[in-house]
Amino acid sequence: MSTKKTIGGLIIGAVTGVALGLLFAPKRGKETREAIAKTSGEYLDKFGDDFKSSFEEQLDKILRKNTERAEARARKQIEEVKREIARIKAN
């Protein structure tokens, strides 16, 4: 399972849990809102770091791949320029 799907599932699960909690809450509105605020803050603390870490890993992969491609293109261009210089000198 991909990280993206896992994080999506966690978010959907958290939202569903909050919605069901609201529907079946035995507490007054104010108490329920305070509990939701506390719980959502805990979820954000817990999963926010995981999401940030996953995002940074994916960003690093993309940057590495693009850097490698750019370096390969640059090497190819340099070789083409060297060949052209050699051809011009030969004439």
Protein backbone atom coordinates (compact mmCIF):
# COMPACT_ATOMS: atom_id res chain seq x y z
CA MET A 1 0.00 0.00 0.00
CA SER A 2 1.37 3.39 -0.92
CA THR A 3 2.05 6.09 1.63
CA LYS A 4 -0.45 8.33 -0.12
CA LYS A 5 -3.23 5.76 0.29
CA THR A 6 -2.28 5.13 3.91
CA ILE A 7 -2.41 8.80 4.80
CA GLY A 8 -5.68 9.20 2.90
CA GLY A 9 -7.16 6.27 4.82
CA LEU A 10 -6.03 7.74 8.12
CA ILE A 11 -7.61 11.09 7.30
CA ILE A 12 -10.89 9.49 6.19
CA GLY A 13 -10.91 7.35 9.32
CA ALA A 14 -10.34 10.37 11.55
CA VAL A 15 -13.11 12.38 9.87
CA THR A 16 -15.50 9.43 10.07
CA GLY A 17 -14.69 8.97 13.75
CA VAL A 18 -15.37 12.62 14.50
CA ALA A 19 -18.66 12.53 12.59
CA LEU A 20 -19.84 9.41 14.43
CA GLY A 21 -18.71 10.92 17.72
CA LEU A 22 -20.86 13.97 17.06
CA LEU A 23 -23.89 11.87 16.20
CA PHE A 24 -23.69 9.70 19.29
CA ALA A 25 -22.16 12.13 21.77
CA PRO A 26 -23.68 11.90 25.25
CA LYS A 27 -22.14 15.24 26.27
CA ARG A 28 -23.33 18.81 25.85
CA GLY A 29 -22.33 20.68 22.69
CA LYS A 30 -19.60 22.72 24.36
CA GLU A 31 -18.02 19.67 25.98
CA THR A 32 -18.20 17.73 22.71
CA ARG A 33 -16.53 20.59 20.78
CA GLU A 34 -13.75 20.77 23.36
CA ALA A 35 -13.20 17.01 23.14
CA ILE A 36 -13.13 17.18 19.34
CA ALA A 37 -10.64 20.04 19.40
CA LYS A 38 -8.39 18.11 21.77
CA THR A 39 -8.62 14.87 19.78
CA SER A 40 -8.04 16.57 16.43
CA GLY A 41 -5.00 18.32 17.86
CA GLU A 42 -3.65 14.95 18.98
CA TYR A 43 -4.27 13.47 15.51
CA LEU A 44 -2.54 16.40 13.86
CA ASP A 45 0.45 16.02 16.14
CA LYS A 46 0.60 12.29 15.56
CA PHE A 47 0.00 12.11 11.81
CA GLY A 48 1.32 15.53 10.85
CA ASP A 49 4.90 14.41 11.48
CA ASP A 50 4.33 11.21 9.48
CA PHE A 51 2.82 13.16 6.60
CA LYS A 52 5.65 15.71 6.65
CA SER A 53 8.25 12.95 6.68
CA SER A 54 6.55 11.14 3.79
CA PHE A 55 6.22 14.36 1.81
CA GLU A 56 9.90 15.19 2.34
CA GLU A 57 10.93 11.68 1.23
CA GLN A 58 8.90 11.97 -1.97
CA LEU A 59 10.28 15.44 -2.64
CA ASP A 60 13.84 14.17 -2.17
CA LYS A 61 13.22 11.33 -4.64
CA ILE A 62 11.84 13.74 -7.24
CA LEU A 63 14.71 16.17 -6.78
CA ARG A 64 17.31 13.39 -7.04
CA LYS A 65 15.71 12.00 -10.19
CA ASN A 66 15.49 15.43 -11.83
CA THR A 67 19.08 16.25 -10.84
CA GLU A 68 20.30 12.98 -12.35
CA ARG A 69 18.41 13.69 -15.58
CA ALA A 70 19.76 17.24 -15.76
CA GLU A 71 23.32 16.01 -15.18
CA ALA A 72 22.95 13.35 -17.88
CA ARG A 73 21.65 15.95 -20.35
CA ALA A 74 24.49 18.31 -19.46
CA ARG A 75 27.08 15.55 -20.01
CA LYS A 76 25.51 14.73 -23.37
CA GLN A 77 25.58 18.39 -24.41
CA ILE A 78 29.21 18.71 -23.35
CA GLU A 79 30.15 15.67 -25.44
CA GLU A 80 28.30 17.09 -28.44
CA VAL A 81 30.12 20.42 -28.07
CA LYS A 82 33.48 18.63 -27.79
CA ARG A 83 32.73 16.63 -30.94
CA GLU A 84 31.74 19.80 -32.79
CA ILE A 85 34.92 21.58 -31.66
CA ALA A 86 37.01 18.61 -32.79
CA ARG A 87 35.19 18.60 -36.17
CA ILE A 88 35.78 22.33 -36.63
CA LYS A 89 39.47 22.00 -35.73
CA ALA A 90 39.84 19.11 -38.18
CA ASN A 91 38.58 21.24 -41.07
